[in-house]
Protein backbone atom coordinates (compact mmCIF):
# COMPACT_ATOMS: atom_id res chain seq x y z
CA MET A 1 22.71 -32.61 -106.81
CA ARG A 2 22.50 -36.15 -108.17
CA ILE A 3 19.89 -38.75 -107.24
CA GLY A 4 20.42 -42.50 -107.62
CA PHE A 5 18.11 -45.49 -107.31
CA GLY A 6 19.07 -49.11 -106.72
CA TYR A 7 17.27 -52.45 -106.48
CA ASP A 8 18.50 -55.97 -105.91
CA VAL A 9 17.00 -59.36 -105.22
CA HIS A 10 18.46 -62.78 -104.44
CA ARG A 11 16.92 -66.18 -103.87
CA LEU A 12 17.04 -67.71 -100.39
CA THR A 13 18.83 -71.06 -100.25
CA SER A 14 20.09 -73.58 -97.72
CA GLY A 15 23.78 -73.80 -96.90
CA ARG A 16 24.56 -70.06 -97.03
CA LYS A 17 24.87 -67.40 -94.35
CA LEU A 18 22.34 -64.58 -94.43
CA ILE A 19 24.26 -61.32 -94.74
CA LEU A 20 22.40 -58.02 -94.96
CA GLY A 21 24.03 -54.63 -94.57
CA GLY A 22 27.25 -56.44 -93.73
CA VAL A 23 25.64 -58.11 -90.72
CA GLU A 24 25.30 -61.87 -90.34
CA ILE A 25 21.71 -62.61 -89.31
CA PRO A 26 20.88 -65.97 -87.72
CA PHE A 27 18.47 -67.73 -90.09
CA GLU A 28 18.07 -71.19 -91.60
CA LYS A 29 18.76 -69.90 -95.12
CA GLY A 30 21.05 -67.41 -96.80
CA LEU A 31 21.04 -65.55 -100.09
CA ALA A 32 22.36 -67.25 -103.22
CA GLY A 33 24.88 -65.29 -105.22
CA PHE A 34 28.45 -65.03 -106.43
CA SER A 35 29.54 -62.58 -103.73
CA ASP A 36 28.03 -62.62 -100.25
CA ALA A 37 24.72 -61.76 -102.03
CA ASP A 38 24.02 -58.85 -99.66
CA VAL A 39 20.99 -57.34 -101.43
CA LEU A 40 20.99 -54.26 -99.20
CA CYS A 41 24.59 -53.31 -100.00
CA HIS A 42 24.03 -54.14 -103.66
CA ALA A 43 20.98 -51.86 -103.89
CA ILE A 44 22.89 -49.05 -102.16
CA GLY A 45 25.88 -49.60 -104.45
CA ASP A 46 23.69 -49.46 -107.54
CA ALA A 47 22.04 -46.26 -106.30
CA LEU A 48 25.43 -44.62 -105.75
CA LEU A 49 26.81 -45.74 -109.11
CA GLY A 50 23.62 -44.69 -110.89
CA ALA A 51 23.76 -41.21 -109.39
CA VAL A 52 27.12 -40.61 -111.11
CA ALA A 53 26.13 -42.44 -114.33
CA GLU A 54 28.62 -45.27 -113.72
CA GLY A 55 26.32 -48.21 -114.46
CA ASP A 56 25.77 -50.91 -111.86
CA ILE A 57 27.62 -53.29 -109.59
CA GLY A 58 27.74 -56.02 -112.25
CA ARG A 59 29.65 -53.72 -114.58
CA HIS A 60 32.34 -52.96 -111.99
CA PHE A 61 32.41 -56.32 -110.17
CA PRO A 62 31.28 -58.94 -112.68
CA PRO A 63 29.87 -62.22 -111.39
CA GLY A 64 32.17 -64.99 -112.49
CA ASP A 65 35.33 -62.99 -111.79
CA GLU A 66 37.00 -65.14 -109.13
CA LYS A 67 38.39 -62.17 -107.23
CA TYR A 68 34.80 -61.33 -106.25
CA ARG A 69 33.68 -64.84 -105.24
CA ASP A 70 32.16 -64.65 -101.72
CA ILE A 71 33.56 -61.11 -101.27
CA SER A 72 31.98 -58.96 -98.58
CA SER A 73 29.72 -56.38 -100.15
CA LEU A 74 31.06 -53.89 -97.61
CA ILE A 75 34.36 -54.11 -99.52
CA LEU A 76 32.46 -53.45 -102.73
CA LEU A 77 30.86 -50.37 -101.13
CA LYS A 78 34.35 -49.07 -100.24
CA LYS A 79 35.40 -49.50 -103.88
CA ILE A 80 32.20 -47.80 -105.07
CA MET A 81 32.96 -44.89 -102.73
CA GLU A 82 36.32 -44.49 -104.47
CA ILE A 83 34.53 -44.32 -107.82
CA ILE A 84 31.97 -41.74 -106.76
CA SER A 85 34.55 -39.66 -104.85
CA SER A 86 36.54 -39.34 -108.08
CA LYS A 87 33.46 -37.60 -109.53
CA LYS A 88 33.81 -34.84 -106.91
CA VAL A 89 30.56 -35.66 -105.11
CA LYS A 90 29.72 -36.52 -101.53
CA ILE A 91 26.84 -38.49 -100.09
CA SER A 92 24.12 -36.35 -98.56
CA ASN A 93 21.98 -39.31 -97.58
CA ILE A 94 20.95 -42.88 -98.35
CA ASP A 95 17.49 -44.31 -97.71
CA ALA A 96 16.98 -48.06 -98.13
CA THR A 97 14.25 -50.62 -97.58
CA ILE A 98 14.65 -54.38 -97.13
CA VAL A 99 11.71 -56.51 -98.29
CA ALA A 100 11.48 -59.84 -96.46
CA GLU A 101 8.83 -61.83 -94.65
CA LYS A 102 11.40 -63.46 -92.36
CA PRO A 103 13.56 -63.02 -90.40
CA LYS A 104 12.61 -59.86 -88.54
CA MET A 105 15.15 -57.15 -89.36
CA LEU A 106 14.57 -54.62 -86.58
CA PRO A 107 17.14 -56.10 -84.16
CA TYR A 108 19.88 -55.75 -86.83
CA ILE A 109 19.15 -52.42 -88.49
CA ASN A 110 21.28 -50.29 -86.18
CA GLU A 111 24.31 -52.52 -86.78
CA MET A 112 23.65 -52.45 -90.55
CA ARG A 113 23.69 -48.64 -90.42
CA ASP A 114 26.98 -48.81 -88.50
CA GLN A 115 28.60 -51.16 -91.02
CA ILE A 116 27.44 -49.25 -94.10
CA SER A 117 28.34 -45.81 -92.77
CA VAL A 118 31.84 -46.98 -91.80
CA SER A 119 32.37 -48.62 -95.22
CA LEU A 120 31.32 -45.44 -97.00
CA GLY A 121 33.16 -43.13 -94.62
CA ILE A 122 30.05 -41.11 -93.78
CA GLU A 123 28.14 -40.25 -90.64
CA LYS A 124 25.63 -42.84 -89.49
CA ASN A 125 22.84 -40.24 -89.52
CA ARG A 126 23.16 -40.13 -93.31
CA VAL A 127 22.11 -43.80 -93.64
CA SER A 128 18.47 -44.80 -93.18
CA ILE A 129 17.44 -48.45 -93.33
CA LYS A 130 13.91 -49.75 -93.01
CA ALA A 131 12.30 -53.16 -93.45
CA THR A 132 8.89 -54.27 -94.59
CA THR A 133 7.03 -57.44 -95.50
CA THR A 134 4.74 -58.14 -98.43
CA GLU A 135 2.10 -59.71 -96.17
CA GLY A 136 2.68 -63.12 -97.72
CA LEU A 137 2.50 -61.97 -101.34
CA GLY A 138 5.09 -62.60 -104.05
CA PHE A 139 8.54 -64.18 -103.81
CA ALA A 140 9.47 -62.27 -100.65
CA GLY A 141 6.18 -63.12 -99.00
CA THR A 142 6.53 -66.84 -99.67
CA GLY A 143 10.13 -66.87 -98.41
CA GLU A 144 11.72 -67.53 -101.81
CA GLY A 145 13.92 -64.45 -101.69
CA ILE A 146 14.77 -61.07 -100.23
CA ALA A 147 14.86 -57.74 -102.05
CA ALA A 148 16.13 -54.27 -101.24
CA TYR A 149 15.52 -50.80 -102.65
CA ALA A 150 17.75 -47.78 -102.12
CA VAL A 151 17.88 -44.14 -103.08
CA CYS A 152 20.69 -41.67 -102.52
CA LEU A 153 21.29 -37.97 -102.86
CA LEU A 154 24.77 -36.81 -103.81
CA THR A 155 26.01 -33.23 -103.83
CA LEU A 156 29.06 -31.65 -105.41
CA SER A 157 31.96 -31.56 -102.98
């Protein structure tokens, strides 16, 4: 078995769509970043890559490389799945947490699970997504940004 851990954070900014777990969420701000800045997918991707000792998303999809500008992070997850599959492992489960004061995530979590499971080619019941606030504390609590944490368990296939 292999365990991976991922974390990502992006600043909220005007003039961008808010994309989390591949789902566009209606909100007055979006996440700043080179790709779609989907912190949830990035944290999951880093967890998967870490579990097979393949570094992080930035190593495989460097910011500044024009072919990744505004790319959907669901596409990046598909590419990450190719990398980890070549290591002869399969995903047992993923557990992730979004940290944001606003907007409320609950109405979108089921669709996020759908999008991520399809991109990774795994059953939806292997993907857990939760959300929490920081009760007004820190950058997430003041609405400056959104973060996500993810862990995964991989087994030999």
